């Protein structure tokens, strides 16, 4: 499944925000999302924020709240509860004031953004991520949103494979699951 580079960036950012900023389980272990200054650095890494910009604690905290709402979308869509996913996305789109707008970038030409030019980093990324997921959900591609099927992992993913067969957040979880299944078969 191919998305244009901007849509791909929004979907990747959605996954990174959820996986980096929400507590849960990752690769068989408890995962506690960073707090305080570490949260700011996690946001900068997840969004590939240019070095000239420093994410504030307020922006990081706001994006952590957005990540919680995005997680609810992945969980609902992955569980086939599309009405719940749509309601959550609609509320997030409204809260972030998402609206399409073409902005000219001197280096890359015209780009479609989903926030105002003067919106904060947190509002802009929140609107963009919510819009990216809404495009999938509204385009009949909700099945591309998922939560890792590995034991003791609740990290999310967007399935961009051709055959829409992805079940794991990473090859590490896929390999861990296959190894456990192999050991179980050998023990019989």
N, C-alpha and C. Protein backbone atom coordinates (compact mmCIF):
# COMPACT_ATOMS: atom_id res chain seq x y z
N UNK A 1 0.85 -1.17 0.00
CA UNK A 1 0.00 0.00 0.00
C UNK A 1 0.89 1.22 0.00
N UNK A 2 0.72 2.05 -0.96
CA UNK A 2 1.55 3.24 -1.07
C UNK A 2 0.75 4.49 -0.72
N UNK A 3 1.34 5.32 0.11
CA UNK A 3 0.78 6.62 0.44
C UNK A 3 1.77 7.65 -0.04
N UNK A 4 1.29 8.88 -0.31
CA UNK A 4 2.26 9.91 -0.67
C UNK A 4 3.12 10.21 0.56
N UNK A 5 4.22 10.91 0.35
CA UNK A 5 5.19 11.09 1.43
C UNK A 5 4.61 11.85 2.61
N UNK A 6 3.74 12.81 2.35
CA UNK A 6 3.17 13.58 3.46
C UNK A 6 2.22 12.70 4.27
N UNK A 7 1.37 11.91 3.62
CA UNK A 7 0.46 11.02 4.34
C UNK A 7 1.27 9.97 5.10
N UNK A 8 2.31 9.44 4.48
CA UNK A 8 3.17 8.46 5.14
C UNK A 8 3.78 9.07 6.41
N UNK A 9 4.23 10.32 6.32
CA UNK A 9 4.81 10.99 7.49
C UNK A 9 3.78 11.16 8.61
N UNK A 10 2.55 11.50 8.26
CA UNK A 10 1.51 11.65 9.28
C UNK A 10 1.18 10.32 9.95
N UNK A 11 1.10 9.27 9.16
CA UNK A 11 0.80 7.95 9.72
C UNK A 11 1.95 7.45 10.60
N UNK A 12 3.17 7.64 10.15
CA UNK A 12 4.33 7.25 10.95
C UNK A 12 4.40 8.05 12.24
N UNK A 13 4.07 9.34 12.17
CA UNK A 13 4.06 10.18 13.37
C UNK A 13 2.99 9.71 14.34
N UNK A 14 1.83 9.32 13.82
CA UNK A 14 0.75 8.82 14.68
C UNK A 14 1.22 7.58 15.44
N UNK A 15 1.83 6.65 14.73
CA UNK A 15 2.33 5.42 15.36
C UNK A 15 3.41 5.76 16.39
N UNK A 16 4.35 6.62 16.02
CA UNK A 16 5.45 6.97 16.93
C UNK A 16 4.93 7.66 18.19
N UNK A 17 3.98 8.58 18.03
CA UNK A 17 3.43 9.26 19.21
C UNK A 17 2.75 8.27 20.15
N UNK A 18 1.92 7.39 19.59
CA UNK A 18 1.22 6.41 20.42
C UNK A 18 2.22 5.48 21.10
N UNK A 19 3.14 4.94 20.34
CA UNK A 19 4.07 3.95 20.89
C UNK A 19 5.07 4.55 21.86
N UNK A 20 5.45 5.82 21.65
CA UNK A 20 6.45 6.44 22.51
C UNK A 20 5.85 7.15 23.72
N UNK A 21 4.60 7.62 23.61
CA UNK A 21 4.04 8.49 24.66
C UNK A 21 2.92 7.87 25.47
N UNK A 22 2.61 6.58 25.25
CA UNK A 22 1.56 5.95 26.05
C UNK A 22 2.13 4.74 26.80
N UNK A 23 1.71 4.61 28.05
CA UNK A 23 2.12 3.47 28.88
C UNK A 23 1.49 2.18 28.34
N UNK A 24 2.07 1.07 28.69
CA UNK A 24 1.50 -0.21 28.28
C UNK A 24 2.53 -1.31 28.34
N UNK A 25 2.53 -2.12 27.28
CA UNK A 25 3.46 -3.24 27.16
C UNK A 25 4.14 -3.13 25.80
N UNK A 26 5.43 -3.38 25.78
CA UNK A 26 6.19 -3.33 24.54
C UNK A 26 7.18 -4.48 24.51
N UNK A 27 7.05 -5.31 23.48
CA UNK A 27 7.98 -6.42 23.28
C UNK A 27 8.13 -7.31 24.51
N UNK A 28 7.00 -7.57 25.18
CA UNK A 28 6.99 -8.49 26.30
C UNK A 28 7.32 -7.88 27.65
N UNK A 29 7.48 -6.57 27.70
CA UNK A 29 7.84 -5.91 28.96
C UNK A 29 6.93 -4.73 29.22
N UNK A 30 6.81 -4.38 30.49
CA UNK A 30 6.07 -3.17 30.83
C UNK A 30 6.77 -1.97 30.20
N UNK A 31 5.99 -1.02 29.73
CA UNK A 31 6.55 0.19 29.15
C UNK A 31 5.91 1.39 29.83
N UNK A 32 6.75 2.23 30.38
CA UNK A 32 6.29 3.48 30.98
C UNK A 32 6.76 4.61 30.08
N UNK A 33 5.82 5.39 29.59
CA UNK A 33 6.15 6.50 28.70
C UNK A 33 6.96 7.55 29.47
N UNK A 34 7.84 8.23 28.78
CA UNK A 34 8.65 9.25 29.45
C UNK A 34 7.80 10.40 29.98
N UNK A 35 8.29 10.99 31.03
CA UNK A 35 7.65 12.15 31.65
C UNK A 35 8.67 13.29 31.70
N UNK A 36 8.20 14.47 31.99
CA UNK A 36 9.09 15.62 32.16
C UNK A 36 9.92 15.91 30.93
N UNK A 37 11.17 16.32 31.13
CA UNK A 37 12.04 16.67 29.99
C UNK A 37 12.26 15.52 29.02
N UNK A 38 12.22 14.27 29.53
CA UNK A 38 12.38 13.12 28.64
C UNK A 38 11.22 13.03 27.65
N UNK A 39 10.04 13.46 28.08
CA UNK A 39 8.88 13.46 27.17
C UNK A 39 9.13 14.44 26.03
N UNK A 40 9.71 15.59 26.34
CA UNK A 40 10.02 16.58 25.28
C UNK A 40 10.96 15.96 24.25
N UNK A 41 11.99 15.28 24.72
CA UNK A 41 12.95 14.65 23.81
C UNK A 41 12.29 13.53 23.01
N UNK A 42 11.37 12.79 23.65
CA UNK A 42 10.67 11.72 22.94
C UNK A 42 9.80 12.29 21.81
N UNK A 43 9.15 13.41 22.06
CA UNK A 43 8.34 14.06 21.03
C UNK A 43 9.22 14.54 19.89
N UNK A 44 10.34 15.16 20.23
CA UNK A 44 11.27 15.64 19.20
C UNK A 44 11.73 14.49 18.31
N UNK A 45 12.02 13.34 18.91
CA UNK A 45 12.46 12.18 18.13
C UNK A 45 11.32 11.60 17.33
N UNK A 46 10.15 11.47 17.93
CA UNK A 46 9.00 10.86 17.24
C UNK A 46 8.58 11.67 16.03
N UNK A 47 8.69 12.98 16.11
CA UNK A 47 8.25 13.85 15.02
C UNK A 47 9.39 14.36 14.16
N UNK A 48 10.60 13.92 14.45
CA UNK A 48 11.79 14.39 13.72
C UNK A 48 11.81 15.92 13.67
N UNK A 49 11.64 16.52 14.84
CA UNK A 49 11.61 17.97 14.94
C UNK A 49 13.00 18.51 14.62
N UNK A 50 13.09 19.53 13.77
CA UNK A 50 14.41 20.10 13.45
C UNK A 50 15.13 20.58 14.70
N UNK A 51 16.45 20.47 14.70
CA UNK A 51 17.27 20.82 15.86
C UNK A 51 17.08 22.27 16.29
N UNK A 52 16.68 23.13 15.37
CA UNK A 52 16.52 24.55 15.71
C UNK A 52 15.27 24.81 16.57
N UNK A 53 14.41 23.80 16.70
CA UNK A 53 13.18 23.96 17.46
C UNK A 53 13.22 23.07 18.70
N UNK A 54 12.85 23.64 19.84
CA UNK A 54 12.79 22.88 21.08
C UNK A 54 11.34 22.72 21.48
N UNK A 55 10.92 21.49 21.69
CA UNK A 55 9.56 21.20 22.11
C UNK A 55 9.42 21.60 23.58
N UNK A 56 8.39 22.39 23.90
CA UNK A 56 8.16 22.80 25.28
C UNK A 56 7.45 21.68 26.05
N UNK A 57 7.51 21.79 27.36
CA UNK A 57 6.83 20.80 28.20
C UNK A 57 5.33 20.81 27.94
N UNK A 58 4.76 21.98 27.74
CA UNK A 58 3.33 22.08 27.45
C UNK A 58 2.96 21.39 26.15
N UNK A 59 3.78 21.59 25.11
CA UNK A 59 3.53 20.93 23.83
C UNK A 59 3.66 19.42 23.96
N UNK A 60 4.68 18.98 24.69
CA UNK A 60 4.89 17.54 24.87
C UNK A 60 3.72 16.92 25.64
N UNK A 61 3.26 17.60 26.68
CA UNK A 61 2.15 17.08 27.46
C UNK A 61 0.86 17.06 26.62
N UNK A 62 0.66 18.09 25.82
CA UNK A 62 -0.53 18.12 24.95
C UNK A 62 -0.48 16.98 23.93
N UNK A 63 0.69 16.74 23.36
CA UNK A 63 0.82 15.64 22.40
C UNK A 63 0.68 14.27 23.07
N UNK A 64 1.06 14.16 24.33
CA UNK A 64 0.85 12.90 25.06
C UNK A 64 -0.65 12.65 25.22
N UNK A 65 -1.42 13.70 25.47
CA UNK A 65 -2.88 13.56 25.53
C UNK A 65 -3.45 13.17 24.19
N UNK A 66 -2.94 13.77 23.12
CA UNK A 66 -3.37 13.41 21.77
C UNK A 66 -3.03 11.95 21.49
N UNK A 67 -1.85 11.51 21.92
CA UNK A 67 -1.43 10.12 21.71
C UNK A 67 -2.40 9.15 22.38
N UNK A 68 -2.90 9.50 23.56
CA UNK A 68 -3.88 8.64 24.24
C UNK A 68 -5.14 8.50 23.38
N UNK A 69 -5.58 9.59 22.79
CA UNK A 69 -6.78 9.55 21.96
C UNK A 69 -6.52 8.79 20.66
N UNK A 70 -5.32 8.95 20.10
CA UNK A 70 -4.97 8.21 18.89
C UNK A 70 -4.90 6.71 19.19
N UNK A 71 -4.39 6.35 20.38
CA UNK A 71 -4.35 4.94 20.78
C UNK A 71 -5.75 4.36 20.77
N UNK A 72 -6.72 5.11 21.29
CA UNK A 72 -8.10 4.64 21.31
C UNK A 72 -8.60 4.37 19.90
N UNK A 73 -8.17 5.17 18.93
CA UNK A 73 -8.56 4.96 17.53
C UNK A 73 -7.97 3.66 17.01
N UNK A 74 -6.69 3.44 17.23
CA UNK A 74 -6.04 2.20 16.78
C UNK A 74 -6.71 0.98 17.42
N UNK A 75 -6.98 1.06 18.71
CA UNK A 75 -7.59 -0.08 19.41
C UNK A 75 -9.00 -0.35 18.89
N UNK A 76 -9.77 0.71 18.69
CA UNK A 76 -11.14 0.53 18.19
C UNK A 76 -11.12 -0.03 16.77
N UNK A 77 -10.31 0.56 15.90
CA UNK A 77 -10.25 0.10 14.51
C UNK A 77 -9.71 -1.33 14.44
N UNK A 78 -8.67 -1.62 15.22
CA UNK A 78 -8.11 -2.97 15.24
C UNK A 78 -9.09 -4.01 15.76
N UNK A 79 -10.02 -3.57 16.60
CA UNK A 79 -11.03 -4.46 17.15
C UNK A 79 -12.33 -4.46 16.36
N UNK A 80 -12.34 -3.78 15.21
CA UNK A 80 -13.52 -3.76 14.37
C UNK A 80 -14.62 -2.82 14.85
N UNK A 81 -14.33 -1.97 15.83
CA UNK A 81 -15.31 -1.02 16.34
C UNK A 81 -15.14 0.32 15.64
N UNK A 82 -15.53 0.35 14.37
CA UNK A 82 -15.30 1.53 13.54
C UNK A 82 -16.09 2.74 13.99
N UNK A 83 -17.29 2.52 14.53
CA UNK A 83 -18.07 3.66 15.03
C UNK A 83 -17.33 4.36 16.17
N UNK A 84 -16.74 3.59 17.06
CA UNK A 84 -15.98 4.17 18.17
C UNK A 84 -14.75 4.92 17.64
N UNK A 85 -14.06 4.31 16.68
CA UNK A 85 -12.88 4.96 16.10
C UNK A 85 -13.27 6.27 15.44
N UNK A 86 -14.36 6.27 14.70
CA UNK A 86 -14.80 7.48 14.01
C UNK A 86 -15.20 8.57 14.99
N UNK A 87 -15.92 8.20 16.04
CA UNK A 87 -16.32 9.20 17.05
C UNK A 87 -15.11 9.83 17.71
N UNK A 88 -14.14 9.02 18.06
CA UNK A 88 -12.92 9.54 18.68
C UNK A 88 -12.17 10.45 17.73
N UNK A 89 -12.05 10.04 16.47
CA UNK A 89 -11.37 10.88 15.48
C UNK A 89 -12.12 12.18 15.24
N UNK A 90 -13.43 12.12 15.13
CA UNK A 90 -14.20 13.34 14.91
C UNK A 90 -14.01 14.33 16.06
N UNK A 91 -14.00 13.83 17.28
CA UNK A 91 -13.78 14.70 18.43
C UNK A 91 -12.38 15.31 18.40
N UNK A 92 -11.39 14.52 18.01
CA UNK A 92 -10.02 15.01 17.93
C UNK A 92 -9.85 16.02 16.80
N UNK A 93 -10.46 15.75 15.66
CA UNK A 93 -10.41 16.69 14.54
C UNK A 93 -11.02 18.04 14.94
N UNK A 94 -12.12 18.00 15.64
CA UNK A 94 -12.78 19.22 16.10
C UNK A 94 -11.92 19.94 17.13
N UNK A 95 -11.38 19.20 18.09
CA UNK A 95 -10.57 19.80 19.15
C UNK A 95 -9.30 20.45 18.59
N UNK A 96 -8.74 19.88 17.56
CA UNK A 96 -7.50 20.42 16.96
C UNK A 96 -7.77 21.40 15.82
N UNK A 97 -9.03 21.59 15.49
CA UNK A 97 -9.36 22.56 14.43
C UNK A 97 -8.79 22.16 13.09
N UNK A 98 -8.81 20.87 12.79
CA UNK A 98 -8.23 20.40 11.52
C UNK A 98 -8.97 21.00 10.34
N UNK A 99 -8.20 21.52 9.40
CA UNK A 99 -8.75 22.09 8.18
C UNK A 99 -7.67 22.04 7.11
N UNK A 100 -8.01 21.59 5.93
CA UNK A 100 -6.98 21.51 4.88
C UNK A 100 -6.56 22.89 4.42
N UNK A 101 -5.28 23.01 4.16
CA UNK A 101 -4.73 24.28 3.69
C UNK A 101 -3.43 24.01 2.94
N UNK A 102 -3.25 24.64 1.81
CA UNK A 102 -2.00 24.52 1.07
C UNK A 102 -1.02 25.58 1.55
N UNK A 103 0.18 25.15 1.92
CA UNK A 103 1.24 26.06 2.37
C UNK A 103 2.43 25.87 1.44
N UNK A 104 3.07 26.98 1.10
CA UNK A 104 4.23 26.92 0.21
C UNK A 104 5.50 26.80 1.04
N UNK A 105 6.24 25.76 0.77
CA UNK A 105 7.55 25.55 1.38
C UNK A 105 8.58 25.92 0.32
N UNK A 106 9.50 26.83 0.64
CA UNK A 106 10.47 27.28 -0.38
C UNK A 106 11.29 26.15 -0.98
N UNK A 107 11.54 25.09 -0.21
CA UNK A 107 12.36 23.99 -0.69
C UNK A 107 11.57 22.88 -1.36
N UNK A 108 10.29 22.70 -0.95
CA UNK A 108 9.53 21.56 -1.43
C UNK A 108 8.26 21.94 -2.18
N UNK A 109 8.01 23.18 -2.42
CA UNK A 109 6.81 23.59 -3.14
C UNK A 109 5.57 23.58 -2.27
N UNK A 110 4.42 23.41 -2.88
CA UNK A 110 3.16 23.43 -2.16
C UNK A 110 2.94 22.12 -1.41
N UNK A 111 2.50 22.25 -0.17
CA UNK A 111 2.21 21.08 0.66
C UNK A 111 0.85 21.25 1.31
N UNK A 112 0.13 20.14 1.41
CA UNK A 112 -1.17 20.14 2.06
C UNK A 112 -0.98 19.90 3.56
N UNK A 113 -1.40 20.88 4.34
CA UNK A 113 -1.37 20.75 5.79
C UNK A 113 -2.79 20.80 6.31
N UNK A 114 -2.97 20.37 7.53
CA UNK A 114 -4.31 20.27 8.10
C UNK A 114 -4.47 21.16 9.33
N UNK A 115 -3.71 22.24 9.36
CA UNK A 115 -3.76 23.18 10.47
C UNK A 115 -3.39 24.56 9.96
N UNK A 116 -3.66 25.55 10.78
CA UNK A 116 -3.32 26.92 10.41
C UNK A 116 -1.84 27.19 10.54
N UNK A 117 -1.38 28.15 9.80
CA UNK A 117 0.04 28.50 9.79
C UNK A 117 0.54 28.91 11.18
N UNK A 118 -0.32 29.50 11.98
CA UNK A 118 0.09 30.00 13.30
C UNK A 118 -0.24 29.06 14.45
N UNK A 119 -0.74 27.86 14.15
CA UNK A 119 -1.06 26.91 15.21
C UNK A 119 0.23 26.40 15.87
N UNK A 120 0.11 25.99 17.11
CA UNK A 120 1.28 25.45 17.82
C UNK A 120 1.68 24.10 17.22
N UNK A 121 2.87 23.66 17.58
CA UNK A 121 3.36 22.36 17.13
C UNK A 121 2.40 21.26 17.55
N UNK A 122 1.91 21.32 18.78
CA UNK A 122 1.02 20.27 19.29
C UNK A 122 -0.30 20.26 18.54
N UNK A 123 -0.86 21.42 18.28
CA UNK A 123 -2.13 21.50 17.55
C UNK A 123 -1.93 21.05 16.10
N UNK A 124 -0.86 21.51 15.48
CA UNK A 124 -0.59 21.15 14.08
C UNK A 124 -0.40 19.67 13.88
N UNK A 125 0.45 19.05 14.71
CA UNK A 125 0.67 17.61 14.58
C UNK A 125 -0.57 16.83 14.99
N UNK A 126 -1.27 17.30 16.00
CA UNK A 126 -2.51 16.62 16.40
C UNK A 126 -3.53 16.62 15.29
N UNK A 127 -3.69 17.77 14.63
CA UNK A 127 -4.64 17.87 13.51
C UNK A 127 -4.18 16.99 12.35
N UNK A 128 -2.89 17.02 12.04
CA UNK A 128 -2.38 16.21 10.94
C UNK A 128 -2.51 14.72 11.18
N UNK A 129 -2.15 14.27 12.37
CA UNK A 129 -2.25 12.84 12.69
C UNK A 129 -3.70 12.38 12.67
N UNK A 130 -4.58 13.17 13.26
CA UNK A 130 -6.00 12.80 13.26
C UNK A 130 -6.53 12.75 11.83
N UNK A 131 -6.13 13.68 11.00
CA UNK A 131 -6.60 13.69 9.61
C UNK A 131 -6.07 12.48 8.86
N UNK A 132 -4.80 12.15 9.07
CA UNK A 132 -4.23 10.98 8.40
C UNK A 132 -4.99 9.71 8.74
N UNK A 133 -5.31 9.52 10.02
CA UNK A 133 -6.07 8.34 10.41
C UNK A 133 -7.49 8.41 9.89
N UNK A 134 -8.07 9.61 9.83
CA UNK A 134 -9.43 9.77 9.30
C UNK A 134 -9.48 9.42 7.82
N UNK A 135 -8.44 9.76 7.08
CA UNK A 135 -8.39 9.40 5.65
C UNK A 135 -8.42 7.88 5.50
N UNK A 136 -7.66 7.17 6.33
CA UNK A 136 -7.68 5.70 6.27
C UNK A 136 -9.06 5.16 6.64
N UNK A 137 -9.59 5.64 7.75
CA UNK A 137 -10.88 5.15 8.22
C UNK A 137 -11.98 5.45 7.21
N UNK A 138 -12.01 6.67 6.71
CA UNK A 138 -13.04 7.07 5.75
C UNK A 138 -12.83 6.50 4.36
N UNK A 139 -11.64 6.02 4.08
CA UNK A 139 -11.33 5.47 2.77
C UNK A 139 -11.44 3.95 2.72
N UNK A 140 -12.06 3.37 3.73
CA UNK A 140 -12.22 1.92 3.75
C UNK A 140 -10.96 1.16 4.09
N UNK A 141 -10.00 1.84 4.72
CA UNK A 141 -8.72 1.20 5.04
C UNK A 141 -8.50 1.06 6.54
N UNK A 142 -9.58 1.04 7.31
CA UNK A 142 -9.46 0.91 8.76
C UNK A 142 -8.75 -0.37 9.15
N UNK A 143 -8.85 -1.41 8.34
CA UNK A 143 -8.17 -2.67 8.61
C UNK A 143 -6.65 -2.55 8.57
N UNK A 144 -6.15 -1.43 8.10
CA UNK A 144 -4.71 -1.19 8.08
C UNK A 144 -4.18 -0.69 9.42
N UNK A 145 -5.09 -0.34 10.34
CA UNK A 145 -4.70 0.11 11.67
C UNK A 145 -4.75 -1.08 12.61
N UNK A 146 -3.70 -1.29 13.39
CA UNK A 146 -3.72 -2.44 14.26
C UNK A 146 -2.93 -2.27 15.54
N UNK A 147 -3.15 -3.21 16.44
CA UNK A 147 -2.42 -3.33 17.69
C UNK A 147 -1.67 -4.65 17.63
N UNK A 148 -0.44 -4.65 18.05
CA UNK A 148 0.42 -5.83 17.96
C UNK A 148 -0.26 -7.08 18.53
N UNK A 149 -0.15 -8.18 17.80
CA UNK A 149 -0.77 -9.45 18.21
C UNK A 149 0.13 -10.28 19.12
N UNK A 150 1.35 -9.81 19.37
CA UNK A 150 2.28 -10.56 20.22
C UNK A 150 1.81 -10.51 21.67
N UNK A 151 2.11 -11.57 22.39
CA UNK A 151 1.81 -11.61 23.82
C UNK A 151 2.58 -10.50 24.52
N UNK A 152 1.90 -9.82 25.41
CA UNK A 152 2.52 -8.77 26.23
C UNK A 152 3.07 -7.62 25.40
N UNK A 153 2.36 -7.25 24.35
CA UNK A 153 2.72 -6.07 23.58
C UNK A 153 1.44 -5.40 23.11
N UNK A 154 1.35 -4.10 23.31
CA UNK A 154 0.18 -3.35 22.87
C UNK A 154 0.57 -2.15 22.01
N UNK A 155 1.73 -2.23 21.38
CA UNK A 155 2.17 -1.15 20.50
C UNK A 155 1.35 -1.22 19.21
N UNK A 156 1.21 -0.10 18.53
CA UNK A 156 0.35 -0.01 17.35
C UNK A 156 1.17 0.06 16.07
N UNK A 157 0.48 -0.12 14.95
CA UNK A 157 1.13 -0.04 13.64
C UNK A 157 0.10 0.35 12.58
N UNK A 158 0.62 0.81 11.44
CA UNK A 158 -0.17 0.98 10.23
C UNK A 158 0.39 -0.02 9.23
N UNK A 159 -0.46 -0.89 8.73
CA UNK A 159 -0.04 -1.93 7.81
C UNK A 159 0.05 -1.35 6.39
N UNK A 160 1.26 -1.25 5.88
CA UNK A 160 1.47 -0.73 4.52
C UNK A 160 1.85 -1.85 3.55
N UNK A 161 1.70 -3.10 4.00
CA UNK A 161 2.03 -4.22 3.12
C UNK A 161 1.01 -4.34 1.99
N UNK A 162 1.42 -4.99 0.92
CA UNK A 162 0.51 -5.17 -0.22
C UNK A 162 -0.70 -6.03 0.13
N UNK A 163 -0.48 -7.08 0.92
CA UNK A 163 -1.55 -8.04 1.16
C UNK A 163 -2.30 -7.80 2.47
N UNK A 164 -1.98 -6.73 3.15
CA UNK A 164 -2.68 -6.36 4.39
C UNK A 164 -2.68 -7.50 5.40
N UNK A 165 -1.50 -8.10 5.62
CA UNK A 165 -1.40 -9.26 6.50
C UNK A 165 -0.59 -8.99 7.76
N UNK A 166 -0.18 -7.76 7.98
CA UNK A 166 0.65 -7.46 9.14
C UNK A 166 -0.13 -7.68 10.44
N UNK A 167 0.56 -8.25 11.44
CA UNK A 167 -0.07 -8.51 12.74
C UNK A 167 0.78 -8.00 13.91
N UNK A 168 1.99 -7.59 13.64
CA UNK A 168 2.92 -7.24 14.71
C UNK A 168 3.47 -5.83 14.52
N UNK A 169 3.86 -5.22 15.64
CA UNK A 169 4.40 -3.86 15.58
C UNK A 169 5.83 -3.84 15.04
N UNK A 170 6.51 -4.98 15.16
CA UNK A 170 7.92 -5.02 14.75
C UNK A 170 8.32 -6.46 14.43
N UNK A 171 9.44 -6.59 13.77
CA UNK A 171 9.95 -7.93 13.51
C UNK A 171 10.38 -8.61 14.81
N UNK A 172 10.78 -7.82 15.80
CA UNK A 172 11.15 -8.41 17.10
C UNK A 172 9.96 -9.14 17.71
N UNK A 173 8.78 -8.52 17.68
CA UNK A 173 7.58 -9.18 18.23
C UNK A 173 7.17 -10.38 17.36
N UNK A 174 7.30 -10.24 16.07
CA UNK A 174 6.97 -11.35 15.18
C UNK A 174 7.89 -12.53 15.46
N UNK A 175 9.18 -12.28 15.56
CA UNK A 175 10.15 -13.34 15.82
C UNK A 175 9.95 -13.95 17.21
N UNK A 176 9.64 -13.13 18.20
CA UNK A 176 9.39 -13.63 19.56
C UNK A 176 8.19 -14.57 19.57
N UNK A 177 7.14 -14.21 18.84
CA UNK A 177 5.93 -15.02 18.76
C UNK A 177 6.20 -16.34 18.04
N UNK A 178 6.94 -16.26 16.94
CA UNK A 178 7.25 -17.49 16.19
C UNK A 178 8.15 -18.41 17.01
N UNK A 179 9.10 -17.85 17.74
CA UNK A 179 9.98 -18.69 18.57
C UNK A 179 9.18 -19.36 19.69
N UNK A 180 8.26 -18.63 20.30
CA UNK A 180 7.43 -19.21 21.36
C UNK A 180 6.55 -20.33 20.81
N UNK A 181 6.01 -20.14 19.62
CA UNK A 181 5.19 -21.19 18.99
C UNK A 181 6.03 -22.42 18.67
N UNK A 182 7.26 -22.19 18.20
CA UNK A 182 8.16 -23.30 17.91
C UNK A 182 8.48 -24.08 19.19
N UNK A 183 8.82 -23.37 20.26
CA UNK A 183 9.12 -24.03 21.54
C UNK A 183 7.91 -24.81 22.05
N UNK A 184 6.73 -24.26 21.88
CA UNK A 184 5.51 -24.96 22.33
C UNK A 184 5.29 -26.25 21.53
N UNK A 185 5.55 -26.20 20.24
CA UNK A 185 5.40 -27.41 19.40
C UNK A 185 6.43 -28.46 19.80
N UNK A 186 7.65 -28.03 20.10
CA UNK A 186 8.71 -28.95 20.48
C UNK A 186 8.44 -29.61 21.83
N UNK A 187 7.74 -28.90 22.70
CA UNK A 187 7.46 -29.42 24.05
C UNK A 187 6.38 -30.49 24.03
N UNK A 188 5.64 -30.63 22.96
CA UNK A 188 4.54 -31.61 22.90
C UNK A 188 5.06 -32.99 22.76
